[in-house]
C-alpha atoms as a PDB file:
ATOM      1  CA  MET A   1     -11.996  97.457  80.823  1.00  0.00           C
ATOM      2  CA  PHE A   2     -14.840  98.853  79.078  1.00  0.00           C
ATOM      3  CA  GLY A   3     -13.064 100.135  75.812  1.00  0.00           C
ATOM      4  CA  ILE A   4     -12.073 103.966  77.451  1.00  0.00           C
ATOM      5  CA  THR A   5      -8.789 105.255  76.504  1.00  0.00           C
ATOM      6  CA  GLU A   6      -6.385 107.932  77.607  1.00  0.00           C
ATOM      7  CA  LYS A   7      -7.073 110.592  75.471  1.00  0.00           C
ATOM      8  CA  ARG A   8      -7.730 114.629  75.682  1.00  0.00           C
ATOM      9  CA  HIS A   9     -11.209 114.982  75.002  1.00  0.00           C
ATOM     10  CA  PRO A  10     -11.349 118.206  72.498  1.00  0.00           C
ATOM     11  CA  LEU A  11     -14.140 120.426  74.502  1.00  0.00           C
ATOM     12  CA  VAL A  12     -12.137 119.965  78.171  1.00  0.00           C
ATOM     13  CA  ARG A  13      -9.070 122.803  78.588  1.00  0.00           C
ATOM     14  CA  SER A  14      -8.442 123.389  82.035  1.00  0.00           C
ATOM     15  CA  PHE A  15     -10.262 126.556  84.101  1.00  0.00           C
ATOM     16  CA  THR A  16      -6.626 127.231  84.955  1.00  0.00           C
ATOM     17  CA  GLU A  17      -5.087 127.364  80.684  1.00  0.00           C
ATOM     18  CA  ILE A  18      -8.695 129.009  79.873  1.00  0.00           C
ATOM     19  CA  SER A  19      -8.126 131.988  82.971  1.00  0.00           C
ATOM     20  CA  ALA A  20      -4.061 132.294  81.833  1.00  0.00           C
ATOM     21  CA  GLY A  21      -5.158 132.515  78.247  1.00  0.00           C
ATOM     22  CA  LYS A  22      -2.995 129.787  76.938  1.00  0.00           C
ATOM     23  CA  GLY A  23      -3.916 127.887  74.168  1.00  0.00           C
ATOM     24  CA  ASN A  24      -3.631 124.135  73.552  1.00  0.00           C
ATOM     25  CA  GLY A  25      -1.207 124.010  71.222  1.00  0.00           C
ATOM     26  CA  PRO A  26       1.795 121.957  71.250  1.00  0.00           C
ATOM     27  CA  ASP A  27       3.898 124.945  71.844  1.00  0.00           C
ATOM     28  CA  GLY A  28       1.236 126.236  74.793  1.00  0.00           C
ATOM     29  CA  LYS A  29      -0.255 128.838  71.984  1.00  0.00           C
ATOM     30  CA  GLY A  30      -2.836 128.630  69.795  1.00  0.00           C
ATOM     31  CA  ASP A  31      -4.924 125.716  69.007  1.00  0.00           C
ATOM     32  CA  ALA A  32      -4.054 122.208  68.457  1.00  0.00           C
ATOM     33  CA  HIS A  33      -7.191 121.231  67.430  1.00  0.00           C
ATOM     34  CA  PRO A  34      -8.663 120.688  63.780  1.00  0.00           C
ATOM     35  CA  GLY A  35     -11.130 123.446  62.681  1.00  0.00           C
ATOM     36  CA  ALA A  36     -10.654 125.644  66.308  1.00  0.00           C
ATOM     37  CA  THR A  37     -10.244 129.126  64.080  1.00  0.00           C
ATOM     38  CA  ARG A  38     -13.635 128.095  62.558  1.00  0.00           C
ATOM     39  CA  ARG A  39     -15.577 126.890  65.457  1.00  0.00           C
ATOM     40  CA  ALA A  40     -14.083 130.490  67.267  1.00  0.00           C
ATOM     41  CA  ARG A  41     -16.510 132.598  64.500  1.00  0.00           C
ATOM     42  CA  LEU A  42     -19.358 130.215  65.524  1.00  0.00           C
ATOM     43  CA  PRO A  43     -20.717 132.569  68.419  1.00  0.00           C
ATOM     44  CA  LEU A  44     -22.704 129.616  69.441  1.00  0.00           C
ATOM     45  CA  VAL A  45     -19.378 128.148  70.642  1.00  0.00           C
ATOM     46  CA  ARG A  46     -19.603 130.921  73.355  1.00  0.00           C
ATOM     47  CA  ARG A  47     -22.812 130.286  74.789  1.00  0.00           C
ATOM     48  CA  THR A  48     -22.154 128.599  78.321  1.00  0.00           C
ATOM     49  CA  GLY A  49     -25.592 127.139  78.228  1.00  0.00           C
ATOM     50  CA  TYR A  50     -24.502 125.546  74.738  1.00  0.00           C
ATOM     51  CA  LEU A  51     -21.065 124.109  76.230  1.00  0.00           C
ATOM     52  CA  LEU A  52     -22.125 122.776  79.385  1.00  0.00           C
ATOM     53  CA  ASN A  53     -25.405 121.040  77.350  1.00  0.00           C
ATOM     54  CA  LYS A  54     -22.738 119.234  74.686  1.00  0.00           C
ATOM     55  CA  ALA A  55     -20.449 118.391  77.597  1.00  0.00           C
ATOM     56  CA  GLY A  56     -23.093 116.849  79.428  1.00  0.00           C
ATOM     57  CA  SER A  57     -24.211 115.394  75.959  1.00  0.00           C
ATOM     58  CA  ILE A  58     -21.151 114.067  75.008  1.00  0.00           C
ATOM     59  CA  LEU A  59     -20.754 112.521  78.575  1.00  0.00           C
ATOM     60  CA  MET A  60     -23.979 110.963  78.769  1.00  0.00           C
ATOM     61  CA  GLU A  61     -23.399 109.141  75.358  1.00  0.00           C
ATOM     62  CA  ASP A  62     -20.294 107.779  76.619  1.00  0.00           C
ATOM     63  CA  ALA A  63     -21.604 106.643  79.870  1.00  0.00           C
ATOM     64  CA  GLU A  64     -24.674 104.873  77.799  1.00  0.00           C
ATOM     65  CA  ARG A  65     -22.221 103.269  75.927  1.00  0.00           C
ATOM     66  CA  VAL A  66     -20.338 101.259  78.739  1.00  0.00           C
ATOM     67  CA  LEU A  67     -23.389 100.658  80.998  1.00  0.00           C
ATOM     68  CA  MET A  68     -25.006  99.305  77.678  1.00  0.00           C
ATOM     69  CA  ALA A  69     -22.197  96.643  77.959  1.00  0.00           C
ATOM     70  CA  GLN A  70     -23.025  95.670  81.230  1.00  0.00           C
ATOM     71  CA  GLY A  71     -27.351  95.820  79.924  1.00  0.00           C
ATOM     72  CA  MET A  72     -28.123  98.836  81.421  1.00  0.00           C
ATOM     73  CA  ARG A  73     -29.555 102.046  80.486  1.00  0.00           C
ATOM     74  CA  LEU A  74     -28.631 105.058  81.823  1.00  0.00           C
ATOM     75  CA  ARG A  75     -31.452 106.620  83.814  1.00  0.00           C
ATOM     76  CA  TYR A  76     -31.703 102.541  85.470  1.00  0.00           C
ATOM     77  CA  PHE A  77     -28.304 103.684  86.937  1.00  0.00           C
ATOM     78  CA  TYR A  78     -29.240 107.216  87.643  1.00  0.00           C
ATOM     79  CA  VAL A  79     -31.914 105.557  89.429  1.00  0.00           C
ATOM     80  CA  LEU A  80     -29.871 103.003  91.838  1.00  0.00           C
ATOM     81  CA  ALA A  81     -27.405 105.998  92.440  1.00  0.00           C
ATOM     82  CA  ALA A  82     -30.269 108.236  93.410  1.00  0.00           C
ATOM     83  CA  LEU A  83     -31.773 105.586  95.825  1.00  0.00           C
ATOM     84  CA  GLU A  84     -27.890 104.633  97.366  1.00  0.00           C
ATOM     85  CA  SER A  85     -29.220 107.610 100.025  1.00  0.00           C
ATOM     86  CA  ASP A  86     -30.907 107.614 102.980  1.00  0.00           C
ATOM     87  CA  LEU A  87     -33.401 109.618 101.806  1.00  0.00           C
ATOM     88  CA  SER A  88     -36.867 107.594 101.539  1.00  0.00           C
ATOM     89  CA  LEU A  89     -37.242 108.360  97.966  1.00  0.00           C
ATOM     90  CA  SER A  90     -41.097 107.470  96.157  1.00  0.00           C
ATOM     91  CA  GLN A  91     -41.135 106.879  92.510  1.00  0.00           C
ATOM     92  CA  GLN A  92     -42.805 110.608  92.050  1.00  0.00           C
ATOM     93  CA  ASP A  93     -39.458 112.208  93.951  1.00  0.00           C
ATOM     94  CA  LEU A  94     -37.643 110.268  91.254  1.00  0.00           C
ATOM     95  CA  SER A  95     -39.600 111.362  88.409  1.00  0.00           C
ATOM     96  CA  ARG A  96     -39.006 115.181  89.686  1.00  0.00           C
ATOM     97  CA  LEU A  97     -35.224 114.680  90.410  1.00  0.00           C
ATOM     98  CA  LEU A  98     -34.389 112.539  87.063  1.00  0.00           C
ATOM     99  CA  HIS A  99     -36.834 114.518  84.985  1.00  0.00           C
ATOM    100  CA  LEU A 100     -38.815 111.387  83.445  1.00  0.00           C
ATOM    101  CA  ASP A 101     -42.078 110.951  82.625  1.00  0.00           C
ATOM    102  CA  PRO A 102     -43.985 109.755  85.638  1.00  0.00           C
ATOM    103  CA  THR A 103     -45.550 106.952  83.085  1.00  0.00           C
ATOM    104  CA  THR A 104     -42.102 105.991  82.114  1.00  0.00           C
ATOM    105  CA  MET A 105     -40.634 105.923  85.590  1.00  0.00           C
ATOM    106  CA  VAL A 106     -43.144 103.652  86.941  1.00  0.00           C
ATOM    107  CA  ALA A 107     -42.211 101.383  84.165  1.00  0.00           C
ATOM    108  CA  LEU A 108     -38.467 101.039  85.233  1.00  0.00           C
ATOM    109  CA  ILE A 109     -39.523 101.226  88.863  1.00  0.00           C
ATOM    110  CA  ASP A 110     -41.266  97.683  87.845  1.00  0.00           C
ATOM    111  CA  GLU A 111     -37.991  96.541  85.693  1.00  0.00           C
ATOM    112  CA  MET A 112     -36.378  97.250  88.329  1.00  0.00           C
ATOM    113  CA  GLU A 113     -37.919  95.662  90.939  1.00  0.00           C
ATOM    114  CA  GLN A 114     -38.933  92.507  88.386  1.00  0.00           C
ATOM    115  CA  GLY A 115     -35.222  92.708  88.241  1.00  0.00           C
ATOM    116  CA  GLY A 116     -34.148  92.328  91.693  1.00  0.00           C
ATOM    117  CA  HIS A 117     -32.516  95.583  91.900  1.00  0.00           C
ATOM    118  CA  VAL A 118     -35.473  97.699  94.016  1.00  0.00           C
ATOM    119  CA  GLU A 119     -38.376  96.960  96.468  1.00  0.00           C
ATOM    120  CA  ARG A 120     -41.278  99.336  97.268  1.00  0.00           C
ATOM    121  CA  ARG A 121     -42.207  99.611 100.684  1.00  0.00           C
ATOM    122  CA  ARG A 122     -45.571 101.289 101.868  1.00  0.00           C
ATOM    123  CA  ASN A 123     -44.877 104.636 103.186  1.00  0.00           C
ATOM    124  CA  PRO A 124     -45.635 104.407 106.864  1.00  0.00           C
ATOM    125  CA  SER A 125     -46.650 108.568 107.073  1.00  0.00           C
ATOM    126  CA  ASP A 126     -49.095 107.768 103.891  1.00  0.00           C
ATOM    127  CA  ARG A 127     -49.713 104.804 102.653  1.00  0.00           C
ATOM    128  CA  ARG A 128     -50.709 105.567  99.467  1.00  0.00           C
ATOM    129  CA  ARG A 129     -47.200 106.071  98.153  1.00  0.00           C
ATOM    130  CA  TYR A 130     -44.036 103.407  98.359  1.00  0.00           C
ATOM    131  CA  ILE A 131     -40.889 103.897  99.877  1.00  0.00           C
ATOM    132  CA  LEU A 132     -38.062 102.704  97.076  1.00  0.00           C
ATOM    133  CA  ARG A 133     -35.525 100.391  98.610  1.00  0.00           C
ATOM    134  CA  LEU A 134     -32.026  99.141  97.107  1.00  0.00           C
ATOM    135  CA  THR A 135     -31.795  95.797  97.538  1.00  0.00           C
ATOM    136  CA  ASP A 136     -28.693  94.074  97.993  1.00  0.00           C
ATOM    137  CA  SER A 137     -28.452  92.996  94.485  1.00  0.00           C
ATOM    138  CA  GLY A 138     -29.487  96.552  93.500  1.00  0.00           C
ATOM    139  CA  ARG A 139     -26.643  97.739  95.054  1.00  0.00           C
ATOM    140  CA  GLU A 140     -23.772  95.238  93.351  1.00  0.00           C
ATOM    141  CA  ALA A 141     -25.541  95.788  90.146  1.00  0.00           C
ATOM    142  CA  LEU A 142     -24.484  99.598  91.163  1.00  0.00           C
ATOM    143  CA  GLU A 143     -21.183  99.325  92.544  1.00  0.00           C
ATOM    144  CA  ARG A 144     -20.232  97.634  89.241  1.00  0.00           C
ATOM    145  CA  ALA A 145     -22.316 100.450  87.119  1.00  0.00           C
ATOM    146  CA  GLY A 146     -20.636 103.354  89.057  1.00  0.00           C
ATOM    147  CA  ARG A 147     -17.324 101.988  88.478  1.00  0.00           C
ATOM    148  CA  ALA A 148     -17.546 102.121  84.157  1.00  0.00           C
ATOM    149  CA  VAL A 149     -19.283 105.454  84.647  1.00  0.00           C
ATOM    150  CA  ASP A 150     -16.214 106.505  87.115  1.00  0.00           C
ATOM    151  CA  ALA A 151     -13.981 105.564  84.458  1.00  0.00           C
ATOM    152  CA  VAL A 152     -15.867 107.731  81.944  1.00  0.00           C
ATOM    153  CA  GLU A 153     -15.579 110.686  83.579  1.00  0.00           C
ATOM    154  CA  GLN A 154     -12.461 110.498  84.418  1.00  0.00           C
ATOM    155  CA  ASP A 155     -11.301 109.730  80.784  1.00  0.00           C
ATOM    156  CA  PHE A 156     -13.493 112.624  79.921  1.00  0.00           C
ATOM    157  CA  LEU A 157     -12.041 115.060  82.277  1.00  0.00           C
ATOM    158  CA  SER A 158      -8.640 113.806  82.313  1.00  0.00           C
ATOM    159  CA  ALA A 159      -7.560 117.005  80.458  1.00  0.00           C
ATOM    160  CA  VAL A 160      -8.152 119.026  83.729  1.00  0.00           C
ATOM    161  CA  PRO A 161      -5.842 119.034  86.947  1.00  0.00           C
ATOM    162  CA  ALA A 162      -7.417 117.283  89.829  1.00  0.00           C
ATOM    163  CA  GLN A 163      -8.003 120.711  91.289  1.00  0.00           C
ATOM    164  CA  ASP A 164     -10.036 122.012  88.709  1.00  0.00           C
ATOM    165  CA  ARG A 165     -12.319 119.141  88.220  1.00  0.00           C
ATOM    166  CA  GLU A 166     -13.556 119.832  92.242  1.00  0.00           C
ATOM    167  CA  ARG A 167     -13.851 123.388  91.221  1.00  0.00           C
ATOM    168  CA  LEU A 168     -16.244 122.454  88.541  1.00  0.00           C
ATOM    169  CA  ARG A 169     -18.217 120.114  90.749  1.00  0.00           C
ATOM    170  CA  ALA A 170     -18.457 122.545  93.032  1.00  0.00           C
ATOM    171  CA  LEU A 171     -19.236 125.545  90.915  1.00  0.00           C
ATOM    172  CA  LEU A 172     -22.122 122.885  89.105  1.00  0.00           C
ATOM    173  CA  GLY A 173     -23.285 122.321  92.768  1.00  0.00           C
ATOM    174  CA  ASP A 174     -23.439 126.222  93.014  1.00  0.00           C
ATOM    175  CA  LEU A 175     -25.812 126.589  90.497  1.00  0.00           C
ATOM    176  CA  LEU A 176     -27.947 123.891  90.624  1.00  0.00           C
ATOM    177  CA  ALA A 177     -28.294 124.788  94.767  1.00  0.00           C
ATOM    178  CA  ASP A 178     -31.900 126.198  94.755  1.00  0.00           C
ATOM    179  CA  ARG A 179     -32.854 124.265  91.693  1.00  0.00           C
ATOM    180  CA  TRP A 180     -33.268 120.755  93.176  1.00  0.00           C
ATOM    181  CA  PRO A 181     -36.665 119.410  93.564  1.00  0.00           C
ATOM    182  CA  ARG A 182     -38.316 120.516  97.326  1.00  0.00           C
ATOM    183  CA  VAL A 183     -37.915 117.035  98.396  1.00  0.00           C
ATOM    184  CA  ILE A 184     -34.170 116.550  97.706  1.00  0.00           C
ATOM    185  CA  ALA A 185     -33.550 120.451  98.439  1.00  0.00           C
ATOM    186  CA  CYS A 186     -35.127 120.387 101.817  1.00  0.00           C
ATOM    187  CA  GLU A 187     -34.137 117.196 103.690  1.00  0.00           C
END
């Protein structure tokens, strides 16, 4: 539907394969990817942070591409997805959560409000702040975009068995558990 192909991504191997010491060549030994020996000599590829960043960058680029086909940017999608929660989030909260400059966030929320996807409501406990809410149109846009992003993630992780995908998500959740902005971590 969005140009996503069924292929094994060269950066992805299952935790099971890695922990069992299995290669991903056709015979279960070695590496089927050209240049694997050369990459193995590069110490950088043994850095977990680099691999997480590289995988995240590729995944975000792929998601951005399919979202652009819908006329949406990835950060727009992330705001919609964050506002799907039942938390009362302000522009400042979203700015911290998504690591976006506050000025950029204001412009993005203005765009989303003009597009009919988000509405600002006064915070009853602090009249200086606005709480953001998805509109029905915003929920529809999120549903469409969410299907596209789900397909990208599924494609990216297709070489990883389902139980390992869940384990990866859980491990990443553990790593981030104490690193969320206060408004997310406290509620």
